[in-house]
Amino acid sequence: MRRGGAPTLPIDPAAVPAFARVERGPRGLRLGAVPEPAGAAEGAGGPLRLRAAAPATVRRAEVVAGGRLVLAAGTGVAYSLAAPDMRLVHDRRPPGLDLLAGAAGANAGLLRADGGWRAVVLPSLGDMVADLGPGPAAIRADGRRVAAVAGGAIEERDAGAEGVAARHEGGAGALCYAAGGSLLVAAGARVGPPGTTPLAGPAIVALAAAAAAPRVAALHEDGSVSVWEPGADEALASWASPVDGAGAIGLSPDGALVALGAPDAADPAACLARAEDGAQVRRVEGARAIAPSPAEDGLVVAGDWGCAWLMPLELEEDG
């Protein structure tokens, strides 16, 4: 397990446009402009600046602890990085690591490897709750409660406590905790509380909740996306993913933008799209992951080349 001292990637300080591709320039890592993609939103995202980058090969990433830490994973290795300087603090190498989930408001997250899901504390990546089983699983934004499908039911456990805090009969295709703390499940193509009647249609395979708004995004097995509010019987919106091979989903803190990544794509891209209609406001070709900060002070973009923090120009100017 690594403890600090990791190198950083040289970066080009040029402004990053809304639609960009990862490149290596004479001054280091840069995100150069590409033509506006089909389906781009009118008045797309403003320019950003590369703040820092780490040379860690990353396929999935989430910003946790209120924007202070990044939980990231490559093939077989998990990383905790300090934001926004992207300093690699620790790594851990559980065999078969393939999925993660972060706690937006706490220094905690979930990792799935050969032994199933486990809750970990950041930055050390040490176990907080182990042996959660194959899942699906979810962690609440405050990091104090986790849920996992086990033995035909959904079990909720509190960090640091023995036994099961709550049990809900039935399974789920995916789980998440809404911003208010309520547990939500994917029942076929529908999102609702435990026990929700499944909806026919392409099954939901991943859920993500906004950190500060009552909104949830769902990724379906056919690559489509739906957006929900807790308690609603129908989706607010549904649209085809603008990212080929999308396999990771997230939401901006206010629930207005859906983050889509392609962890396993041969030619990856990641984007932020409007929740209401899927119009792209930001896209990075060559990135596998994109994750907004819950503090609304930047975002992480990552891929085979490394893991970078981008920040708005106005925040940089404000110091």
C-alpha atoms as a PDB file:
ATOM      1  CA  MET A   1       0.000   0.000   0.000  1.00  0.00           C
ATOM      2  CA  ARG A   2       1.498   3.316  -1.113  1.00  0.00           C
ATOM      3  CA  ARG A   3       1.820   6.186   1.355  1.00  0.00           C
ATOM      4  CA  GLY A   4       2.412   9.537  -0.336  1.00  0.00           C
ATOM      5  CA  GLY A   5       5.348  10.663  -2.417  1.00  0.00           C
ATOM      6  CA  ALA A   6       3.792   9.817  -5.771  1.00  0.00           C
ATOM      7  CA  PRO A   7       4.879  11.789  -8.862  1.00  0.00           C
ATOM      8  CA  THR A   8       2.588  14.201 -10.659  1.00  0.00           C
ATOM      9  CA  LEU A   9       1.970  14.649 -14.375  1.00  0.00           C
ATOM     10  CA  PRO A  10       3.204  17.799 -16.120  1.00  0.00           C
ATOM     11  CA  ILE A  11       0.197  19.756 -17.385  1.00  0.00           C
ATOM     12  CA  ASP A  12      -0.409  22.416 -20.010  1.00  0.00           C
ATOM     13  CA  PRO A  13      -2.132  25.425 -18.378  1.00  0.00           C
ATOM     14  CA  ALA A  14      -4.037  26.354 -21.550  1.00  0.00           C
ATOM     15  CA  ALA A  15      -7.799  26.779 -21.152  1.00  0.00           C
ATOM     16  CA  VAL A  16      -9.813  23.580 -21.650  1.00  0.00           C
ATOM     17  CA  PRO A  17     -12.781  23.956 -24.026  1.00  0.00           C
ATOM     18  CA  ALA A  18     -16.158  22.316 -23.478  1.00  0.00           C
ATOM     19  CA  PHE A  19     -15.404  19.673 -26.100  1.00  0.00           C
ATOM     20  CA  ALA A  20     -11.881  18.331 -25.939  1.00  0.00           C
ATOM     21  CA  ARG A  21      -9.549  15.387 -26.453  1.00  0.00           C
ATOM     22  CA  VAL A  22      -6.746  14.223 -24.180  1.00  0.00           C
ATOM     23  CA  GLU A  23      -3.367  14.917 -25.777  1.00  0.00           C
ATOM     24  CA  ARG A  24       0.292  15.026 -24.890  1.00  0.00           C
ATOM     25  CA  GLY A  25       1.799  18.389 -25.771  1.00  0.00           C
ATOM     26  CA  PRO A  26       5.298  19.843 -25.360  1.00  0.00           C
ATOM     27  CA  ARG A  27       4.263  21.305 -21.988  1.00  0.00           C
ATOM     28  CA  GLY A  28       2.592  18.137 -20.753  1.00  0.00           C
ATOM     29  CA  LEU A  29      -0.925  16.772 -20.558  1.00  0.00           C
ATOM     30  CA  ARG A  30      -3.459  18.945 -22.362  1.00  0.00           C
ATOM     31  CA  LEU A  31      -7.087  18.841 -23.415  1.00  0.00           C
ATOM     32  CA  GLY A  32      -7.216  20.193 -26.930  1.00  0.00           C
ATOM     33  CA  ALA A  33     -10.339  21.360 -28.739  1.00  0.00           C
ATOM     34  CA  VAL A  34     -12.397  19.061 -30.975  1.00  0.00           C
ATOM     35  CA  PRO A  35     -15.446  19.862 -33.120  1.00  0.00           C
ATOM     36  CA  GLU A  36     -18.747  20.239 -31.319  1.00  0.00           C
ATOM     37  CA  PRO A  37     -20.451  16.816 -31.215  1.00  0.00           C
ATOM     38  CA  ALA A  38     -23.924  16.091 -32.508  1.00  0.00           C
ATOM     39  CA  GLY A  39     -26.466  16.725 -29.794  1.00  0.00           C
ATOM     40  CA  ALA A  40     -24.416  19.389 -28.030  1.00  0.00           C
ATOM     41  CA  ALA A  41     -26.316  21.790 -25.812  1.00  0.00           C
ATOM     42  CA  GLU A  42     -26.679  25.368 -26.931  1.00  0.00           C
ATOM     43  CA  GLY A  43     -24.379  27.448 -24.741  1.00  0.00           C
ATOM     44  CA  ALA A  44     -22.249  24.487 -23.633  1.00  0.00           C
ATOM     45  CA  GLY A  45     -19.994  24.521 -20.582  1.00  0.00           C
ATOM     46  CA  GLY A  46     -17.480  27.334 -20.133  1.00  0.00           C
ATOM     47  CA  PRO A  47     -13.701  26.883 -20.291  1.00  0.00           C
ATOM     48  CA  LEU A  48     -11.862  25.135 -17.484  1.00  0.00           C
ATOM     49  CA  ARG A  49      -8.224  24.889 -16.455  1.00  0.00           C
ATOM     50  CA  LEU A  50      -6.178  21.821 -15.633  1.00  0.00           C
ATOM     51  CA  ARG A  51      -5.237  22.258 -11.984  1.00  0.00           C
ATOM     52  CA  ALA A  52      -3.149  19.096 -11.435  1.00  0.00           C
ATOM     53  CA  ALA A  53      -2.843  15.493 -12.595  1.00  0.00           C
ATOM     54  CA  ALA A  54      -1.503  12.194 -11.292  1.00  0.00           C
ATOM     55  CA  PRO A  55      -0.014   9.418 -13.469  1.00  0.00           C
ATOM     56  CA  ALA A  56      -2.421   6.769 -12.154  1.00  0.00           C
ATOM     57  CA  THR A  57      -4.204   4.641 -14.749  1.00  0.00           C
ATOM     58  CA  VAL A  58      -7.881   5.082 -13.869  1.00  0.00           C
ATOM     59  CA  ARG A  59     -11.074   3.531 -15.228  1.00  0.00           C
ATOM     60  CA  ARG A  60     -13.547   4.792 -12.612  1.00  0.00           C
ATOM     61  CA  ALA A  61     -13.484   7.780 -10.267  1.00  0.00           C
ATOM     62  CA  GLU A  62     -15.741   9.635  -7.822  1.00  0.00           C
ATOM     63  CA  VAL A  63     -15.161  12.780  -5.765  1.00  0.00           C
ATOM     64  CA  VAL A  64     -15.871  12.243  -2.055  1.00  0.00           C
ATOM     65  CA  ALA A  65     -15.506  13.969   1.327  1.00  0.00           C
ATOM     66  CA  GLY A  66     -17.165  17.167   0.134  1.00  0.00           C
ATOM     67  CA  GLY A  67     -14.641  17.598  -2.687  1.00  0.00           C
ATOM     68  CA  ARG A  68     -11.467  16.970  -0.665  1.00  0.00           C
ATOM     69  CA  LEU A  69     -10.662  13.443  -1.872  1.00  0.00           C
ATOM     70  CA  VAL A  70     -10.983  11.309  -4.996  1.00  0.00           C
ATOM     71  CA  LEU A  71     -11.714   7.578  -4.884  1.00  0.00           C
ATOM     72  CA  ALA A  72     -10.447   6.032  -8.117  1.00  0.00           C
ATOM     73  CA  ALA A  73      -9.829   2.576  -9.527  1.00  0.00           C
ATOM     74  CA  GLY A  74      -7.783   1.124 -12.332  1.00  0.00           C
ATOM     75  CA  THR A  75      -7.385  -2.542 -13.228  1.00  0.00           C
ATOM     76  CA  GLY A  76      -6.897  -4.270  -9.884  1.00  0.00           C
ATOM     77  CA  VAL A  77      -5.863  -1.170  -7.943  1.00  0.00           C
ATOM     78  CA  ALA A  78      -7.801   1.431  -5.930  1.00  0.00           C
ATOM     79  CA  TYR A  79      -6.434   4.907  -5.223  1.00  0.00           C
ATOM     80  CA  SER A  80      -7.193   7.692  -2.804  1.00  0.00           C
ATOM     81  CA  LEU A  81      -6.032  11.077  -4.056  1.00  0.00           C
ATOM     82  CA  ALA A  82      -6.063  14.470  -2.371  1.00  0.00           C
ATOM     83  CA  ALA A  83      -8.014  17.081  -4.312  1.00  0.00           C
ATOM     84  CA  PRO A  84      -7.418  19.445  -5.989  1.00  0.00           C
ATOM     85  CA  ASP A  85      -3.663  18.808  -6.231  1.00  0.00           C
ATOM     86  CA  MET A  86      -4.187  15.157  -7.253  1.00  0.00           C
ATOM     87  CA  ARG A  87      -1.556  13.889  -4.826  1.00  0.00           C
ATOM     88  CA  LEU A  88      -1.710  10.098  -4.602  1.00  0.00           C
ATOM     89  CA  VAL A  89      -2.061   9.321  -0.897  1.00  0.00           C
ATOM     90  CA  HIS A  90      -2.672   5.553  -0.745  1.00  0.00           C
ATOM     91  CA  ASP A  91      -3.380   2.626  -2.984  1.00  0.00           C
ATOM     92  CA  ARG A  92      -4.755  -0.849  -2.378  1.00  0.00           C
ATOM     93  CA  ARG A  93      -4.740  -3.865  -4.682  1.00  0.00           C
ATOM     94  CA  PRO A  94      -7.604  -6.266  -3.930  1.00  0.00           C
ATOM     95  CA  PRO A  95      -7.676  -9.095  -6.515  1.00  0.00           C
ATOM     96  CA  GLY A  96     -10.457  -8.664  -9.053  1.00  0.00           C
ATOM     97  CA  LEU A  97     -11.286  -5.039  -8.223  1.00  0.00           C
ATOM     98  CA  ASP A  98     -13.797  -3.775 -10.794  1.00  0.00           C
ATOM     99  CA  LEU A  99     -16.347  -1.378  -9.248  1.00  0.00           C
ATOM    100  CA  LEU A 100     -16.496   1.459  -6.729  1.00  0.00           C
ATOM    101  CA  ALA A 101     -18.963   3.878  -5.168  1.00  0.00           C
ATOM    102  CA  GLY A 102     -18.130   7.001  -3.180  1.00  0.00           C
ATOM    103  CA  ALA A 103     -19.730   8.833  -0.244  1.00  0.00           C
ATOM    104  CA  ALA A 104     -20.135  12.412  -1.490  1.00  0.00           C
ATOM    105  CA  GLY A 105     -20.047  13.975   1.963  1.00  0.00           C
ATOM    106  CA  ALA A 106     -17.616  11.695   3.801  1.00  0.00           C
ATOM    107  CA  ASN A 107     -14.166  10.150   3.526  1.00  0.00           C
ATOM    108  CA  ALA A 108     -15.619   6.753   2.681  1.00  0.00           C
ATOM    109  CA  GLY A 109     -16.589   4.552  -0.231  1.00  0.00           C
ATOM    110  CA  LEU A 110     -17.256   1.049  -1.504  1.00  0.00           C
ATOM    111  CA  LEU A 111     -15.015  -1.296  -3.489  1.00  0.00           C
ATOM    112  CA  ARG A 112     -16.032  -4.527  -5.239  1.00  0.00           C
ATOM    113  CA  ALA A 113     -13.410  -7.216  -5.805  1.00  0.00           C
ATOM    114  CA  ASP A 114     -13.254 -11.031  -5.856  1.00  0.00           C
ATOM    115  CA  GLY A 115     -14.472 -11.191  -2.250  1.00  0.00           C
ATOM    116  CA  GLY A 116     -17.508  -9.005  -2.954  1.00  0.00           C
ATOM    117  CA  TRP A 117     -18.247  -5.477  -1.753  1.00  0.00           C
ATOM    118  CA  ARG A 118     -16.578  -3.786   1.220  1.00  0.00           C
ATOM    119  CA  ALA A 119     -16.858  -0.294   2.697  1.00  0.00           C
ATOM    120  CA  VAL A 120     -13.532   1.506   3.129  1.00  0.00           C
ATOM    121  CA  VAL A 121     -12.361   4.679   4.824  1.00  0.00           C
ATOM    122  CA  LEU A 122     -10.267   7.223   2.934  1.00  0.00           C
ATOM    123  CA  PRO A 123      -7.515   8.094   2.550  1.00  0.00           C
ATOM    124  CA  SER A 124      -6.117   4.819   3.968  1.00  0.00           C
ATOM    125  CA  LEU A 125      -8.554   2.557   2.042  1.00  0.00           C
ATOM    126  CA  GLY A 126      -8.772   0.351   5.116  1.00  0.00           C
ATOM    127  CA  ASP A 127     -11.906  -1.698   5.769  1.00  0.00           C
ATOM    128  CA  MET A 128     -14.851  -0.094   7.534  1.00  0.00           C
ATOM    129  CA  VAL A 129     -17.425  -2.826   6.798  1.00  0.00           C
ATOM    130  CA  ALA A 130     -16.210  -5.976   5.054  1.00  0.00           C
ATOM    131  CA  ASP A 131     -17.930  -9.014   3.531  1.00  0.00           C
ATOM    132  CA  LEU A 132     -20.980  -7.272   2.102  1.00  0.00           C
ATOM    133  CA  GLY A 133     -21.303  -9.957  -0.558  1.00  0.00           C
ATOM    134  CA  PRO A 134     -21.676  -9.700  -4.338  1.00  0.00           C
ATOM    135  CA  GLY A 135     -24.284  -6.945  -4.123  1.00  0.00           C
ATOM    136  CA  PRO A 136     -25.449  -4.673  -5.654  1.00  0.00           C
ATOM    137  CA  ALA A 137     -24.408  -2.265  -2.891  1.00  0.00           C
ATOM    138  CA  ALA A 138     -24.635   1.443  -2.000  1.00  0.00           C
ATOM    139  CA  ILE A 139     -23.232   3.859   0.561  1.00  0.00           C
ATOM    140  CA  ARG A 140     -25.050   6.865   2.026  1.00  0.00           C
ATOM    141  CA  ALA A 141     -23.557  10.301   1.373  1.00  0.00           C
ATOM    142  CA  ASP A 142     -22.514  10.675   5.025  1.00  0.00           C
ATOM    143  CA  GLY A 143     -20.682   7.337   4.909  1.00  0.00           C
ATOM    144  CA  ARG A 144     -22.503   6.091   8.020  1.00  0.00           C
ATOM    145  CA  ARG A 145     -24.758   3.479   6.388  1.00  0.00           C
ATOM    146  CA  VAL A 146     -24.323   0.927   3.610  1.00  0.00           C
ATOM    147  CA  ALA A 147     -26.796  -1.360   1.881  1.00  0.00           C
ATOM    148  CA  ALA A 148     -26.260  -4.576  -0.050  1.00  0.00           C
ATOM    149  CA  VAL A 149     -28.365  -7.327  -1.590  1.00  0.00           C
ATOM    150  CA  ALA A 150     -27.748 -10.535   0.339  1.00  0.00           C
ATOM    151  CA  GLY A 151     -29.683 -13.802   0.470  1.00  0.00           C
ATOM    152  CA  GLY A 152     -32.752 -12.580  -1.390  1.00  0.00           C
ATOM    153  CA  ALA A 153     -33.064  -9.390   0.679  1.00  0.00           C
ATOM    154  CA  ILE A 154     -31.509  -5.952   1.029  1.00  0.00           C
ATOM    155  CA  GLU A 155     -29.594  -5.475   4.279  1.00  0.00           C
ATOM    156  CA  GLU A 156     -28.566  -2.091   5.654  1.00  0.00           C
ATOM    157  CA  ARG A 157     -25.648  -1.829   8.068  1.00  0.00           C
ATOM    158  CA  ASP A 158     -24.291   1.063  10.087  1.00  0.00           C
ATOM    159  CA  ALA A 159     -20.564   1.772  10.108  1.00  0.00           C
ATOM    160  CA  GLY A 160     -18.956   0.702  13.367  1.00  0.00           C
ATOM    161  CA  ALA A 161     -21.995  -1.286  14.530  1.00  0.00           C
ATOM    162  CA  GLU A 162     -22.600  -5.021  14.632  1.00  0.00           C
ATOM    163  CA  GLY A 163     -25.506  -6.712  12.912  1.00  0.00           C
ATOM    164  CA  VAL A 164     -28.138  -5.579  10.426  1.00  0.00           C
ATOM    165  CA  ALA A 165     -29.768  -2.180  10.997  1.00  0.00           C
ATOM    166  CA  ALA A 166     -32.640  -2.774   8.543  1.00  0.00           C
ATOM    167  CA  ARG A 167     -33.735  -5.572   6.227  1.00  0.00           C
ATOM    168  CA  HIS A 168     -35.976  -5.331   3.167  1.00  0.00           C
ATOM    169  CA  GLU A 169     -37.290  -8.445   1.448  1.00  0.00           C
ATOM    170  CA  GLY A 170     -36.583  -8.789  -2.253  1.00  0.00           C
ATOM    171  CA  GLY A 171     -33.689  -7.974  -4.493  1.00  0.00           C
ATOM    172  CA  ALA A 172     -32.668  -5.088  -6.751  1.00  0.00           C
ATOM    173  CA  GLY A 173     -30.742  -4.525  -9.941  1.00  0.00           C
ATOM    174  CA  ALA A 174     -28.949  -1.539  -8.362  1.00  0.00           C
ATOM    175  CA  LEU A 175     -29.079   0.532  -5.163  1.00  0.00           C
ATOM    176  CA  CYS A 176     -28.408   4.110  -4.097  1.00  0.00           C
ATOM    177  CA  TYR A 177     -29.169   6.499  -1.261  1.00  0.00           C
ATOM    178  CA  ALA A 178     -30.980   9.688  -2.228  1.00  0.00           C
ATOM    179  CA  ALA A 179     -29.761  13.065  -1.000  1.00  0.00           C
ATOM    180  CA  GLY A 180     -32.245  12.942   1.866  1.00  0.00           C
ATOM    181  CA  GLY A 181     -30.897   9.586   3.029  1.00  0.00           C
ATOM    182  CA  SER A 182     -33.660   7.280   1.788  1.00  0.00           C
ATOM    183  CA  LEU A 183     -32.698   3.994   0.144  1.00  0.00           C
ATOM    184  CA  LEU A 184     -33.764   3.559  -3.476  1.00  0.00           C
ATOM    185  CA  VAL A 185     -33.678   0.432  -5.628  1.00  0.00           C
ATOM    186  CA  ALA A 186     -33.788  -0.437  -9.300  1.00  0.00           C
ATOM    187  CA  ALA A 187     -36.766  -2.717  -9.972  1.00  0.00           C
ATOM    188  CA  GLY A 188     -36.496  -3.669 -13.608  1.00  0.00           C
ATOM    189  CA  ALA A 189     -36.729  -0.340 -15.453  1.00  0.00           C
ATOM    190  CA  ARG A 190     -38.165   1.572 -12.456  1.00  0.00           C
ATOM    191  CA  VAL A 191     -36.608   3.415  -9.495  1.00  0.00           C
ATOM    192  CA  GLY A 192     -38.357   3.408  -6.133  1.00  0.00           C
ATOM    193  CA  PRO A 193     -38.121   2.373  -2.483  1.00  0.00           C
ATOM    194  CA  PRO A 194     -37.467  -1.256  -1.496  1.00  0.00           C
ATOM    195  CA  GLY A 195     -40.416  -3.395  -2.534  1.00  0.00           C
ATOM    196  CA  THR A 196     -41.173  -1.348  -5.659  1.00  0.00           C
ATOM    197  CA  THR A 197     -43.038  -3.303  -8.330  1.00  0.00           C
ATOM    198  CA  PRO A 198     -40.685  -3.938 -11.273  1.00  0.00           C
ATOM    199  CA  LEU A 199     -41.336  -2.090 -14.514  1.00  0.00           C
ATOM    200  CA  ALA A 200     -40.937  -3.885 -17.837  1.00  0.00           C
ATOM    201  CA  GLY A 201     -38.261  -2.545 -20.147  1.00  0.00           C
ATOM    202  CA  PRO A 202     -34.465  -2.403 -20.321  1.00  0.00           C
ATOM    203  CA  ALA A 203     -33.288  -3.185 -16.793  1.00  0.00           C
ATOM    204  CA  ILE A 204     -31.408  -0.595 -14.755  1.00  0.00           C
ATOM    205  CA  VAL A 205     -27.826  -1.676 -14.044  1.00  0.00           C
ATOM    206  CA  ALA A 206     -26.498   1.371 -12.143  1.00  0.00           C
ATOM    207  CA  LEU A 207     -27.906   4.223 -10.061  1.00  0.00           C
ATOM    208  CA  ALA A 208     -26.429   7.532  -8.912  1.00  0.00           C
ATOM    209  CA  ALA A 209     -27.911  10.205  -6.653  1.00  0.00           C
ATOM    210  CA  ALA A 210     -27.289  13.945  -6.655  1.00  0.00           C
ATOM    211  CA  ALA A 211     -25.451  15.142  -3.552  1.00  0.00           C
ATOM    212  CA  ALA A 212     -27.688  18.138  -2.859  1.00  0.00           C
ATOM    213  CA  ALA A 213     -30.957  17.576  -4.747  1.00  0.00           C
ATOM    214  CA  PRO A 214     -33.758  14.971  -4.769  1.00  0.00           C
ATOM    215  CA  ARG A 215     -32.763  13.485  -8.092  1.00  0.00           C
ATOM    216  CA  VAL A 216     -31.412  10.104  -9.231  1.00  0.00           C
ATOM    217  CA  ALA A 217     -29.947   9.005 -12.569  1.00  0.00           C
ATOM    218  CA  ALA A 218     -30.202   5.439 -13.862  1.00  0.00           C
ATOM    219  CA  LEU A 219     -28.154   3.649 -16.508  1.00  0.00           C
ATOM    220  CA  HIS A 220     -30.057   0.901 -18.322  1.00  0.00           C
ATOM    221  CA  GLU A 221     -28.691  -2.275 -19.850  1.00  0.00           C
ATOM    222  CA  ASP A 222     -29.355  -0.988 -23.383  1.00  0.00           C
ATOM    223  CA  GLY A 223     -27.244   2.135 -22.761  1.00  0.00           C
ATOM    224  CA  SER A 224     -30.190   4.462 -22.203  1.00  0.00           C
ATOM    225  CA  VAL A 225     -30.437   6.864 -19.267  1.00  0.00           C
ATOM    226  CA  SER A 226     -33.434   7.805 -17.150  1.00  0.00           C
ATOM    227  CA  VAL A 227     -33.748  10.514 -14.496  1.00  0.00           C
ATOM    228  CA  TRP A 228     -36.006  10.181 -11.453  1.00  0.00           C
ATOM    229  CA  GLU A 229     -37.177  11.978  -8.340  1.00  0.00           C
ATOM    230  CA  PRO A 230     -37.757   9.896  -5.176  1.00  0.00           C
ATOM    231  CA  GLY A 231     -41.420   8.976  -4.865  1.00  0.00           C
ATOM    232  CA  ALA A 232     -42.243   9.455  -8.546  1.00  0.00           C
ATOM    233  CA  ASP A 233     -43.924   6.603 -10.432  1.00  0.00           C
ATOM    234  CA  GLU A 234     -42.440   7.658 -13.756  1.00  0.00           C
ATOM    235  CA  ALA A 235     -39.100   8.993 -14.928  1.00  0.00           C
ATOM    236  CA  LEU A 236     -38.703  12.729 -15.401  1.00  0.00           C
ATOM    237  CA  ALA A 237     -36.705  12.113 -18.567  1.00  0.00           C
ATOM    238  CA  SER A 238     -35.255   9.283 -20.637  1.00  0.00           C
ATOM    239  CA  TRP A 239     -32.706   9.456 -23.440  1.00  0.00           C
ATOM    240  CA  ALA A 240     -30.012   7.477 -25.238  1.00  0.00           C
ATOM    241  CA  SER A 241     -26.512   7.821 -23.833  1.00  0.00           C
ATOM    242  CA  PRO A 242     -24.279  10.039 -25.997  1.00  0.00           C
ATOM    243  CA  VAL A 243     -21.297   7.941 -24.857  1.00  0.00           C
ATOM    244  CA  ASP A 244     -20.769   4.618 -26.646  1.00  0.00           C
ATOM    245  CA  GLY A 245     -20.224   1.788 -24.202  1.00  0.00           C
ATOM    246  CA  ALA A 246     -21.309   3.842 -21.189  1.00  0.00           C
ATOM    247  CA  GLY A 247     -20.728   1.841 -18.021  1.00  0.00           C
ATOM    248  CA  ALA A 248     -20.577   4.448 -15.255  1.00  0.00           C
ATOM    249  CA  ILE A 249     -23.045   7.143 -14.231  1.00  0.00           C
ATOM    250  CA  GLY A 250     -23.090  10.070 -11.824  1.00  0.00           C
ATOM    251  CA  LEU A 251     -24.866  13.386 -11.180  1.00  0.00           C
ATOM    252  CA  SER A 252     -23.827  16.944 -10.494  1.00  0.00           C
ATOM    253  CA  PRO A 253     -24.674  18.099  -6.942  1.00  0.00           C
ATOM    254  CA  ASP A 254     -27.794  19.964  -8.107  1.00  0.00           C
ATOM    255  CA  GLY A 255     -28.957  17.065 -10.283  1.00  0.00           C
ATOM    256  CA  ALA A 256     -28.907  19.165 -13.462  1.00  0.00           C
ATOM    257  CA  LEU A 257     -26.117  17.240 -15.219  1.00  0.00           C
ATOM    258  CA  VAL A 258     -25.572  13.513 -15.702  1.00  0.00           C
ATOM    259  CA  ALA A 259     -21.969  12.273 -15.808  1.00  0.00           C
ATOM    260  CA  LEU A 260     -21.315   9.317 -18.114  1.00  0.00           C
ATOM    261  CA  GLY A 261     -18.105   7.351 -18.507  1.00  0.00           C
ATOM    262  CA  ALA A 262     -16.963   4.336 -20.509  1.00  0.00           C
ATOM    263  CA  PRO A 263     -14.619   2.325 -18.258  1.00  0.00           C
ATOM    264  CA  ASP A 264     -14.196  -0.583 -20.679  1.00  0.00           C
ATOM    265  CA  ALA A 265     -14.599   1.001 -24.130  1.00  0.00           C
ATOM    266  CA  ALA A 266     -11.952   0.525 -26.810  1.00  0.00           C
ATOM    267  CA  ASP A 267     -12.228   4.195 -27.798  1.00  0.00           C
ATOM    268  CA  PRO A 268     -13.448   5.829 -24.589  1.00  0.00           C
ATOM    269  CA  ALA A 269     -15.107   9.169 -23.980  1.00  0.00           C
ATOM    270  CA  ALA A 270     -16.768  10.756 -20.972  1.00  0.00           C
ATOM    271  CA  CYS A 271     -19.324  13.538 -20.866  1.00  0.00           C
ATOM    272  CA  LEU A 272     -21.624  15.728 -18.828  1.00  0.00           C
ATOM    273  CA  ALA A 273     -25.126  15.849 -20.306  1.00  0.00           C
ATOM    274  CA  ARG A 274     -28.234  17.791 -19.335  1.00  0.00           C
ATOM    275  CA  ALA A 275     -30.504  15.651 -17.179  1.00  0.00           C
ATOM    276  CA  GLU A 276     -33.600  16.984 -18.932  1.00  0.00           C
ATOM    277  CA  ASP A 277     -32.719  15.849 -22.451  1.00  0.00           C
ATOM    278  CA  GLY A 278     -29.197  14.351 -22.688  1.00  0.00           C
ATOM    279  CA  ALA A 279     -27.703  17.304 -24.572  1.00  0.00           C
ATOM    280  CA  GLN A 280     -23.954  17.352 -23.975  1.00  0.00           C
ATOM    281  CA  VAL A 281     -22.449  20.356 -22.200  1.00  0.00           C
ATOM    282  CA  ARG A 282     -18.950  18.909 -21.817  1.00  0.00           C
ATOM    283  CA  ARG A 283     -17.157  15.965 -23.445  1.00  0.00           C
ATOM    284  CA  VAL A 284     -13.609  14.629 -23.198  1.00  0.00           C
ATOM    285  CA  GLU A 285     -12.499  12.154 -25.842  1.00  0.00           C
ATOM    286  CA  GLY A 286      -9.944   9.690 -24.500  1.00  0.00           C
ATOM    287  CA  ALA A 287     -11.282   9.866 -20.935  1.00  0.00           C
ATOM    288  CA  ARG A 288     -12.916   6.897 -19.222  1.00  0.00           C
ATOM    289  CA  ALA A 289     -14.364   8.757 -16.238  1.00  0.00           C
ATOM    290  CA  ILE A 290     -15.726  12.181 -15.375  1.00  0.00           C
ATOM    291  CA  ALA A 291     -16.997  13.143 -11.918  1.00  0.00           C
ATOM    292  CA  PRO A 292     -18.175  16.548 -10.642  1.00  0.00           C
ATOM    293  CA  SER A 293     -17.121  17.637  -7.169  1.00  0.00           C
ATOM    294  CA  PRO A 294     -19.924  17.778  -4.571  1.00  0.00           C
ATOM    295  CA  ALA A 295     -18.476  21.177  -3.584  1.00  0.00           C
ATOM    296  CA  GLU A 296     -19.130  22.462  -7.140  1.00  0.00           C
ATOM    297  CA  ASP A 297     -15.507  23.625  -7.337  1.00  0.00           C
ATOM    298  CA  GLY A 298     -14.303  21.437 -10.185  1.00  0.00           C
ATOM    299  CA  LEU A 299     -14.383  17.937 -11.602  1.00  0.00           C
ATOM    300  CA  VAL A 300     -12.173  14.904 -12.126  1.00  0.00           C
ATOM    301  CA  VAL A 301     -11.415  13.527 -15.587  1.00  0.00           C
ATOM    302  CA  ALA A 302      -9.476  10.273 -15.810  1.00  0.00           C
ATOM    303  CA  GLY A 303      -8.353   7.524 -18.144  1.00  0.00           C
ATOM    304  CA  ASP A 304      -5.444   5.314 -19.139  1.00  0.00           C
ATOM    305  CA  TRP A 305      -3.186   8.391 -19.166  1.00  0.00           C
ATOM    306  CA  GLY A 306      -3.872   9.508 -15.576  1.00  0.00           C
ATOM    307  CA  CYS A 307      -6.300  11.341 -13.304  1.00  0.00           C
ATOM    308  CA  ALA A 308      -6.731  15.143 -13.545  1.00  0.00           C
ATOM    309  CA  TRP A 309      -8.561  17.881 -11.658  1.00  0.00           C
ATOM    310  CA  LEU A 310     -10.200  20.631 -13.724  1.00  0.00           C
ATOM    311  CA  MET A 311     -11.435  23.877 -12.211  1.00  0.00           C
ATOM    312  CA  PRO A 312     -13.407  26.865 -13.512  1.00  0.00           C
ATOM    313  CA  LEU A 313     -11.248  29.817 -14.547  1.00  0.00           C
ATOM    314  CA  GLU A 314     -13.100  32.173 -12.221  1.00  0.00           C
ATOM    315  CA  LEU A 315     -12.207  30.030  -9.191  1.00  0.00           C
ATOM    316  CA  GLU A 316      -8.566  30.023 -10.216  1.00  0.00           C
ATOM    317  CA  GLU A 317      -8.634  33.820 -10.539  1.00  0.00           C
ATOM    318  CA  ASP A 318     -10.246  34.129  -7.092  1.00  0.00           C
ATOM    319  CA  GLY A 319      -7.282  32.237  -5.657  1.00  0.00           C
END
